Amino acid sequence: MSAGAVFELIGYLGSALVVTSLSMKSILRLRLVGLAGATVFSTYGILIEAYPIVITNLVIVGIHLYFLRQLLGRTPVFTVLEVQQGSRYLERFLNHYADDIAAFQPDFHYEPRPDRYRAFILRDMVPAGLFMCDIDGSETGHVQLDYVIPAYRDLKVGRFLYSSNSSIFADPRITHLESPPGTAKHNAYLERMGFREVAGADGGRRYRLRLADLPGQAGRRSVPDDPR
């Protein structure tokens, strides 16, 4: 293969990465893939001695690096905002993200039950996630929804949620959480958060998490997992 053909392939690769970055829903992934595309394009411009391409893409590299430093260089501030049954914003949020929620948790159906815990997870005061859980006084809380909007799927919301910092599971009577399975991506997320697959009482699959295993929960009363 000639050098010219190799240079052309490098140019196509840079183009593909730039186009792919524009389709990313996650801001972090958009910046990372866009940075890779601009870097490859800068290399392509140097190889073919097209310096306007080099200058333009070096500027783009600098822009991506600046915003990546903003994203990764500071610690986000998380807040739990509990919402009551009948909240108009809650209903509009669920309607707006209904298709995306179904892509991860297809069996979820919103029920405005008075005994259901509902809270938005705010990231720098932006509603980044929504969490719903039935806490009925037993030792197990039953997760109904654990959803994060596309722009914030870097696991930071989940790591905050399932830690002592969120204070959602401060009740010492609650020793475990159970969640129904979702799609493969959602199940992989649950496992990264510390859940493990078990057999449910009805014989179906469930994901179970022992709260004593969460960060900052070393002193919590520990109850052995159900051996089923």
C-alpha atoms as a PDB file:
ATOM      1  CA  MET A   1       0.000   0.000   0.000  1.00  0.00           C
ATOM      2  CA  SER A   2       1.355   3.414  -0.966  1.00  0.00           C
ATOM      3  CA  ALA A   3       2.051   6.171   1.523  1.00  0.00           C
ATOM      4  CA  GLY A   4      -0.706   8.250  -0.045  1.00  0.00           C
ATOM      5  CA  ALA A   5      -3.253   5.503   0.571  1.00  0.00           C
ATOM      6  CA  VAL A   6      -2.157   5.194   4.217  1.00  0.00           C
ATOM      7  CA  PHE A   7      -2.503   8.956   4.691  1.00  0.00           C
ATOM      8  CA  GLU A   8      -5.981   8.819   3.190  1.00  0.00           C
ATOM      9  CA  LEU A   9      -7.018   6.041   5.585  1.00  0.00           C
ATOM     10  CA  ILE A  10      -5.784   8.153   8.509  1.00  0.00           C
ATOM     11  CA  GLY A  11      -7.925  11.013   7.235  1.00  0.00           C
ATOM     12  CA  TYR A  12     -10.973   8.773   7.009  1.00  0.00           C
ATOM     13  CA  LEU A  13     -10.336   7.521  10.547  1.00  0.00           C
ATOM     14  CA  GLY A  14     -10.205  11.080  11.847  1.00  0.00           C
ATOM     15  CA  SER A  15     -13.443  11.908  10.029  1.00  0.00           C
ATOM     16  CA  ALA A  16     -15.154   8.819  11.449  1.00  0.00           C
ATOM     17  CA  LEU A  17     -14.131   9.691  15.016  1.00  0.00           C
ATOM     18  CA  VAL A  18     -15.335  13.288  14.702  1.00  0.00           C
ATOM     19  CA  VAL A  19     -18.698  12.194  13.274  1.00  0.00           C
ATOM     20  CA  THR A  20     -19.036   9.494  15.953  1.00  0.00           C
ATOM     21  CA  SER A  21     -18.351  12.010  18.729  1.00  0.00           C
ATOM     22  CA  LEU A  22     -21.297  14.125  17.568  1.00  0.00           C
ATOM     23  CA  SER A  23     -23.638  11.173  18.132  1.00  0.00           C
ATOM     24  CA  MET A  24     -22.550  10.654  21.752  1.00  0.00           C
ATOM     25  CA  LYS A  25     -25.160  11.379  24.411  1.00  0.00           C
ATOM     26  CA  SER A  26     -22.606  11.375  27.204  1.00  0.00           C
ATOM     27  CA  ILE A  27     -20.720  14.668  27.436  1.00  0.00           C
ATOM     28  CA  LEU A  28     -17.590  12.871  28.681  1.00  0.00           C
ATOM     29  CA  ARG A  29     -17.589  10.397  25.786  1.00  0.00           C
ATOM     30  CA  LEU A  30     -18.252  13.188  23.291  1.00  0.00           C
ATOM     31  CA  ARG A  31     -15.178  15.030  24.531  1.00  0.00           C
ATOM     32  CA  LEU A  32     -12.948  11.941  24.593  1.00  0.00           C
ATOM     33  CA  VAL A  33     -13.918  10.684  21.133  1.00  0.00           C
ATOM     34  CA  GLY A  34     -13.829  14.230  19.734  1.00  0.00           C
ATOM     35  CA  LEU A  35     -10.326  14.674  21.177  1.00  0.00           C
ATOM     36  CA  ALA A  36      -9.188  11.441  19.517  1.00  0.00           C
ATOM     37  CA  GLY A  37     -10.697  12.536  16.179  1.00  0.00           C
ATOM     38  CA  ALA A  38      -9.085  15.974  16.284  1.00  0.00           C
ATOM     39  CA  THR A  39      -5.719  14.426  17.190  1.00  0.00           C
ATOM     40  CA  VAL A  40      -5.888  11.989  14.283  1.00  0.00           C
ATOM     41  CA  PHE A  41      -6.961  14.779  11.931  1.00  0.00           C
ATOM     42  CA  SER A  42      -4.022  16.917  13.091  1.00  0.00           C
ATOM     43  CA  THR A  43      -1.702  14.024  12.283  1.00  0.00           C
ATOM     44  CA  TYR A  44      -3.332  13.660   8.869  1.00  0.00           C
ATOM     45  CA  GLY A  45      -2.825  17.382   8.172  1.00  0.00           C
ATOM     46  CA  ILE A  46       0.856  17.160   9.084  1.00  0.00           C
ATOM     47  CA  LEU A  47       1.362  14.114   6.847  1.00  0.00           C
ATOM     48  CA  ILE A  48      -0.153  15.810   3.792  1.00  0.00           C
ATOM     49  CA  GLU A  49       1.288  19.223   4.761  1.00  0.00           C
ATOM     50  CA  ALA A  50      -2.171  20.812   4.929  1.00  0.00           C
ATOM     51  CA  TYR A  51      -1.443  23.300   7.689  1.00  0.00           C
ATOM     52  CA  PRO A  52      -4.906  24.931   7.855  1.00  0.00           C
ATOM     53  CA  ILE A  53      -6.218  21.454   8.827  1.00  0.00           C
ATOM     54  CA  VAL A  54      -3.449  21.128  11.423  1.00  0.00           C
ATOM     55  CA  ILE A  55      -4.130  24.545  12.980  1.00  0.00           C
ATOM     56  CA  THR A  56      -7.910  24.046  13.071  1.00  0.00           C
ATOM     57  CA  ASN A  57      -7.691  20.637  14.724  1.00  0.00           C
ATOM     58  CA  LEU A  58      -5.028  21.674  17.212  1.00  0.00           C
ATOM     59  CA  VAL A  59      -7.412  24.405  18.346  1.00  0.00           C
ATOM     60  CA  ILE A  60     -10.163  21.770  18.649  1.00  0.00           C
ATOM     61  CA  VAL A  61      -7.793  19.548  20.666  1.00  0.00           C
ATOM     62  CA  GLY A  62      -7.194  22.458  23.035  1.00  0.00           C
ATOM     63  CA  ILE A  63     -10.941  23.080  23.418  1.00  0.00           C
ATOM     64  CA  HIS A  64     -11.621  19.417  24.217  1.00  0.00           C
ATOM     65  CA  LEU A  65      -8.757  19.314  26.722  1.00  0.00           C
ATOM     66  CA  TYR A  66     -10.052  22.451  28.439  1.00  0.00           C
ATOM     67  CA  PHE A  67     -13.549  21.047  28.901  1.00  0.00           C
ATOM     68  CA  LEU A  68     -12.244  17.600  29.886  1.00  0.00           C
ATOM     69  CA  ARG A  69     -10.251  19.280  32.628  1.00  0.00           C
ATOM     70  CA  GLN A  70     -13.453  21.010  33.738  1.00  0.00           C
ATOM     71  CA  LEU A  71     -15.295  17.679  33.776  1.00  0.00           C
ATOM     72  CA  LEU A  72     -12.614  15.538  35.398  1.00  0.00           C
ATOM     73  CA  GLY A  73     -10.620  18.043  37.431  1.00  0.00           C
ATOM     74  CA  ARG A  74     -13.304  19.035  39.908  1.00  0.00           C
ATOM     75  CA  THR A  75     -15.471  17.042  42.257  1.00  0.00           C
ATOM     76  CA  PRO A  76     -19.181  17.284  41.400  1.00  0.00           C
ATOM     77  CA  VAL A  77     -21.601  18.225  44.160  1.00  0.00           C
ATOM     78  CA  PHE A  78     -24.392  15.682  44.637  1.00  0.00           C
ATOM     79  CA  THR A  79     -27.648  16.338  46.451  1.00  0.00           C
ATOM     80  CA  VAL A  80     -30.655  14.125  47.142  1.00  0.00           C
ATOM     81  CA  LEU A  81     -33.981  15.878  46.528  1.00  0.00           C
ATOM     82  CA  GLU A  82     -36.943  13.837  47.704  1.00  0.00           C
ATOM     83  CA  VAL A  83     -40.154  14.455  45.749  1.00  0.00           C
ATOM     84  CA  GLN A  84     -43.695  13.792  46.824  1.00  0.00           C
ATOM     85  CA  GLN A  85     -46.416  11.810  45.117  1.00  0.00           C
ATOM     86  CA  GLY A  86     -48.197  13.906  42.481  1.00  0.00           C
ATOM     87  CA  SER A  87     -45.188  16.078  41.606  1.00  0.00           C
ATOM     88  CA  ARG A  88     -45.810  17.578  38.162  1.00  0.00           C
ATOM     89  CA  TYR A  89     -42.086  17.776  37.461  1.00  0.00           C
ATOM     90  CA  LEU A  90     -41.662  14.096  38.342  1.00  0.00           C
ATOM     91  CA  GLU A  91     -44.407  13.093  35.905  1.00  0.00           C
ATOM     92  CA  ARG A  92     -42.991  15.287  33.134  1.00  0.00           C
ATOM     93  CA  PHE A  93     -39.492  13.893  33.749  1.00  0.00           C
ATOM     94  CA  LEU A  94     -40.788  10.320  33.467  1.00  0.00           C
ATOM     95  CA  ASN A  95     -42.741  11.131  30.305  1.00  0.00           C
ATOM     96  CA  HIS A  96     -39.773  12.872  28.703  1.00  0.00           C
ATOM     97  CA  TYR A  97     -37.373   9.987  29.356  1.00  0.00           C
ATOM     98  CA  ALA A  98     -39.907   7.157  29.014  1.00  0.00           C
ATOM     99  CA  ASP A  99     -38.284   5.586  25.940  1.00  0.00           C
ATOM    100  CA  ASP A 100     -34.784   5.778  27.400  1.00  0.00           C
ATOM    101  CA  ILE A 101     -35.942   4.316  30.718  1.00  0.00           C
ATOM    102  CA  ALA A 102     -37.572   1.443  28.813  1.00  0.00           C
ATOM    103  CA  ALA A 103     -34.266   0.801  27.026  1.00  0.00           C
ATOM    104  CA  PHE A 104     -32.713  -0.113  30.385  1.00  0.00           C
ATOM    105  CA  GLN A 105     -35.626  -1.119  32.624  1.00  0.00           C
ATOM    106  CA  PRO A 106     -38.409  -2.221  30.259  1.00  0.00           C
ATOM    107  CA  ASP A 107     -40.611  -3.609  33.053  1.00  0.00           C
ATOM    108  CA  PHE A 108     -40.800  -0.326  34.955  1.00  0.00           C
ATOM    109  CA  HIS A 109     -44.232   1.267  35.168  1.00  0.00           C
ATOM    110  CA  TYR A 110     -44.805   4.371  37.246  1.00  0.00           C
ATOM    111  CA  GLU A 111     -47.295   3.979  40.087  1.00  0.00           C
ATOM    112  CA  PRO A 112     -47.909   7.038  42.316  1.00  0.00           C
ATOM    113  CA  ARG A 113     -47.993   5.007  45.524  1.00  0.00           C
ATOM    114  CA  PRO A 114     -47.859   6.988  48.792  1.00  0.00           C
ATOM    115  CA  ASP A 115     -45.435   4.528  50.454  1.00  0.00           C
ATOM    116  CA  ARG A 116     -42.843   4.693  47.662  1.00  0.00           C
ATOM    117  CA  TYR A 117     -39.630   6.651  48.198  1.00  0.00           C
ATOM    118  CA  ARG A 118     -38.878   8.973  45.270  1.00  0.00           C
ATOM    119  CA  ALA A 119     -35.821  11.197  44.934  1.00  0.00           C
ATOM    120  CA  PHE A 120     -33.909  13.056  42.255  1.00  0.00           C
ATOM    121  CA  ILE A 121     -30.132  12.862  42.438  1.00  0.00           C
ATOM    122  CA  LEU A 122     -28.892  16.357  41.639  1.00  0.00           C
ATOM    123  CA  ARG A 123     -25.430  16.783  40.180  1.00  0.00           C
ATOM    124  CA  ASP A 124     -24.338  20.401  40.558  1.00  0.00           C
ATOM    125  CA  MET A 125     -28.049  21.138  41.022  1.00  0.00           C
ATOM    126  CA  VAL A 126     -28.985  19.467  37.718  1.00  0.00           C
ATOM    127  CA  PRO A 127     -31.463  16.530  37.993  1.00  0.00           C
ATOM    128  CA  ALA A 128     -29.080  13.846  36.759  1.00  0.00           C
ATOM    129  CA  GLY A 129     -30.880  10.746  38.062  1.00  0.00           C
ATOM    130  CA  LEU A 130     -34.116   9.475  39.515  1.00  0.00           C
ATOM    131  CA  PHE A 131     -34.361   6.784  42.176  1.00  0.00           C
ATOM    132  CA  MET A 132     -37.497   5.016  43.421  1.00  0.00           C
ATOM    133  CA  CYS A 133     -37.568   2.401  46.139  1.00  0.00           C
ATOM    134  CA  ASP A 134     -40.239   0.706  48.241  1.00  0.00           C
ATOM    135  CA  ILE A 135     -39.236   0.737  51.907  1.00  0.00           C
ATOM    136  CA  ASP A 136     -41.923  -1.135  53.809  1.00  0.00           C
ATOM    137  CA  GLY A 137     -40.309  -1.567  57.230  1.00  0.00           C
ATOM    138  CA  SER A 138     -38.684  -4.891  56.395  1.00  0.00           C
ATOM    139  CA  GLU A 139     -34.948  -5.496  56.157  1.00  0.00           C
ATOM    140  CA  THR A 140     -35.022  -5.271  52.348  1.00  0.00           C
ATOM    141  CA  GLY A 141     -35.666  -2.195  50.251  1.00  0.00           C
ATOM    142  CA  HIS A 142     -37.095  -2.934  46.808  1.00  0.00           C
ATOM    143  CA  VAL A 143     -35.635  -0.738  44.074  1.00  0.00           C
ATOM    144  CA  GLN A 144     -38.233   0.161  41.454  1.00  0.00           C
ATOM    145  CA  LEU A 145     -36.229   2.594  39.332  1.00  0.00           C
ATOM    146  CA  ASP A 146     -32.575   3.594  39.167  1.00  0.00           C
ATOM    147  CA  TYR A 147     -32.174   5.869  36.150  1.00  0.00           C
ATOM    148  CA  VAL A 148     -29.528   8.380  35.066  1.00  0.00           C
ATOM    149  CA  ILE A 149     -29.998  10.729  32.116  1.00  0.00           C
ATOM    150  CA  PRO A 150     -27.657  10.143  29.144  1.00  0.00           C
ATOM    151  CA  ALA A 151     -25.336  13.112  29.738  1.00  0.00           C
ATOM    152  CA  TYR A 152     -24.283  11.862  33.191  1.00  0.00           C
ATOM    153  CA  ARG A 153     -23.667   8.142  32.693  1.00  0.00           C
ATOM    154  CA  ASP A 154     -20.117   8.081  33.990  1.00  0.00           C
ATOM    155  CA  LEU A 155     -21.097   6.018  37.094  1.00  0.00           C
ATOM    156  CA  LYS A 156     -20.516   8.949  39.472  1.00  0.00           C
ATOM    157  CA  VAL A 157     -24.238   9.310  40.191  1.00  0.00           C
ATOM    158  CA  GLY A 158     -24.515   5.591  40.976  1.00  0.00           C
ATOM    159  CA  ARG A 159     -21.440   5.593  43.196  1.00  0.00           C
ATOM    160  CA  PHE A 160     -22.877   8.501  45.160  1.00  0.00           C
ATOM    161  CA  LEU A 161     -26.312   6.884  45.392  1.00  0.00           C
ATOM    162  CA  TYR A 162     -24.969   3.587  46.747  1.00  0.00           C
ATOM    163  CA  SER A 163     -22.778   5.110  49.412  1.00  0.00           C
ATOM    164  CA  SER A 164     -23.229   6.502  52.900  1.00  0.00           C
ATOM    165  CA  ASN A 165     -22.980  10.026  51.453  1.00  0.00           C
ATOM    166  CA  SER A 166     -26.465   9.863  49.962  1.00  0.00           C
ATOM    167  CA  SER A 167     -28.047   9.053  53.370  1.00  0.00           C
ATOM    168  CA  ILE A 168     -30.945   7.397  51.539  1.00  0.00           C
ATOM    169  CA  PHE A 169     -30.346   4.091  53.312  1.00  0.00           C
ATOM    170  CA  ALA A 170     -29.541   5.536  56.728  1.00  0.00           C
ATOM    171  CA  ASP A 171     -32.311   3.515  58.425  1.00  0.00           C
ATOM    172  CA  PRO A 172     -30.360   0.763  60.263  1.00  0.00           C
ATOM    173  CA  ARG A 173     -33.301  -1.627  59.862  1.00  0.00           C
ATOM    174  CA  ILE A 174     -32.603  -1.838  56.120  1.00  0.00           C
ATOM    175  CA  THR A 175     -29.810  -4.328  55.504  1.00  0.00           C
ATOM    176  CA  HIS A 176     -30.342  -5.249  51.828  1.00  0.00           C
ATOM    177  CA  LEU A 177     -31.615  -3.853  48.554  1.00  0.00           C
ATOM    178  CA  GLU A 178     -33.218  -5.870  45.785  1.00  0.00           C
ATOM    179  CA  SER A 179     -33.699  -4.791  42.207  1.00  0.00           C
ATOM    180  CA  PRO A 180     -35.482  -6.503  39.327  1.00  0.00           C
ATOM    181  CA  PRO A 181     -33.316  -7.258  36.309  1.00  0.00           C
ATOM    182  CA  GLY A 182     -33.354  -4.987  33.295  1.00  0.00           C
ATOM    183  CA  THR A 183     -31.526  -5.144  29.989  1.00  0.00           C
ATOM    184  CA  ALA A 184     -27.970  -6.488  29.786  1.00  0.00           C
ATOM    185  CA  LYS A 185     -26.537  -2.964  30.144  1.00  0.00           C
ATOM    186  CA  HIS A 186     -28.600  -2.223  33.225  1.00  0.00           C
ATOM    187  CA  ASN A 187     -27.695  -5.561  34.808  1.00  0.00           C
ATOM    188  CA  ALA A 188     -24.013  -4.859  34.172  1.00  0.00           C
ATOM    189  CA  TYR A 189     -24.466  -1.496  35.925  1.00  0.00           C
ATOM    190  CA  LEU A 190     -26.091  -3.167  38.933  1.00  0.00           C
ATOM    191  CA  GLU A 191     -23.185  -5.580  39.200  1.00  0.00           C
ATOM    192  CA  ARG A 192     -20.689  -2.706  39.090  1.00  0.00           C
ATOM    193  CA  MET A 193     -22.602  -1.075  41.938  1.00  0.00           C
ATOM    194  CA  GLY A 194     -22.208  -4.264  44.018  1.00  0.00           C
ATOM    195  CA  PHE A 195     -25.451  -6.144  43.346  1.00  0.00           C
ATOM    196  CA  ARG A 196     -25.281  -9.847  42.650  1.00  0.00           C
ATOM    197  CA  GLU A 197     -27.795 -12.051  40.908  1.00  0.00           C
ATOM    198  CA  VAL A 198     -29.934 -14.310  43.130  1.00  0.00           C
ATOM    199  CA  ALA A 199     -33.107 -16.345  42.785  1.00  0.00           C
ATOM    200  CA  GLY A 200     -36.230 -14.472  43.853  1.00  0.00           C
ATOM    201  CA  ALA A 201     -39.004 -15.857  46.014  1.00  0.00           C
ATOM    202  CA  ASP A 202     -41.082 -16.408  42.867  1.00  0.00           C
ATOM    203  CA  GLY A 203     -38.251 -18.308  41.169  1.00  0.00           C
ATOM    204  CA  GLY A 204     -37.342 -15.388  38.927  1.00  0.00           C
ATOM    205  CA  ARG A 205     -34.064 -13.483  38.763  1.00  0.00           C
ATOM    206  CA  ARG A 206     -33.310 -10.651  41.177  1.00  0.00           C
ATOM    207  CA  TYR A 207     -30.268  -8.550  41.973  1.00  0.00           C
ATOM    208  CA  ARG A 208     -29.401  -8.197  45.655  1.00  0.00           C
ATOM    209  CA  LEU A 209     -27.051  -5.837  47.466  1.00  0.00           C
ATOM    210  CA  ARG A 210     -25.940  -6.039  51.099  1.00  0.00           C
ATOM    211  CA  LEU A 211     -25.713  -2.475  52.410  1.00  0.00           C
ATOM    212  CA  ALA A 212     -22.929  -3.393  54.849  1.00  0.00           C
ATOM    213  CA  ASP A 213     -20.690  -3.814  51.790  1.00  0.00           C
ATOM    214  CA  LEU A 214     -21.168  -0.219  50.622  1.00  0.00           C
ATOM    215  CA  PRO A 215     -18.422   2.406  51.109  1.00  0.00           C
ATOM    216  CA  GLY A 216     -18.708   4.016  54.519  1.00  0.00           C
ATOM    217  CA  GLN A 217     -21.062   1.332  55.846  1.00  0.00           C
ATOM    218  CA  ALA A 218     -18.522  -0.847  57.631  1.00  0.00           C
ATOM    219  CA  GLY A 219     -20.266  -0.378  60.987  1.00  0.00           C
ATOM    220  CA  ARG A 220     -23.751  -1.230  59.746  1.00  0.00           C
ATOM    221  CA  ARG A 221     -25.485  -4.288  61.166  1.00  0.00           C
ATOM    222  CA  SER A 222     -24.734  -7.130  58.784  1.00  0.00           C
ATOM    223  CA  VAL A 223     -27.217  -9.884  57.975  1.00  0.00           C
ATOM    224  CA  PRO A 224     -26.096 -12.849  55.840  1.00  0.00           C
ATOM    225  CA  ASP A 225     -27.414 -13.032  52.295  1.00  0.00           C
ATOM    226  CA  ASP A 226     -30.298 -15.375  51.589  1.00  0.00           C
ATOM    227  CA  PRO A 227     -28.600 -18.651  50.556  1.00  0.00           C
ATOM    228  CA  ARG A 228     -31.245 -19.442  47.931  1.00  0.00           C
END
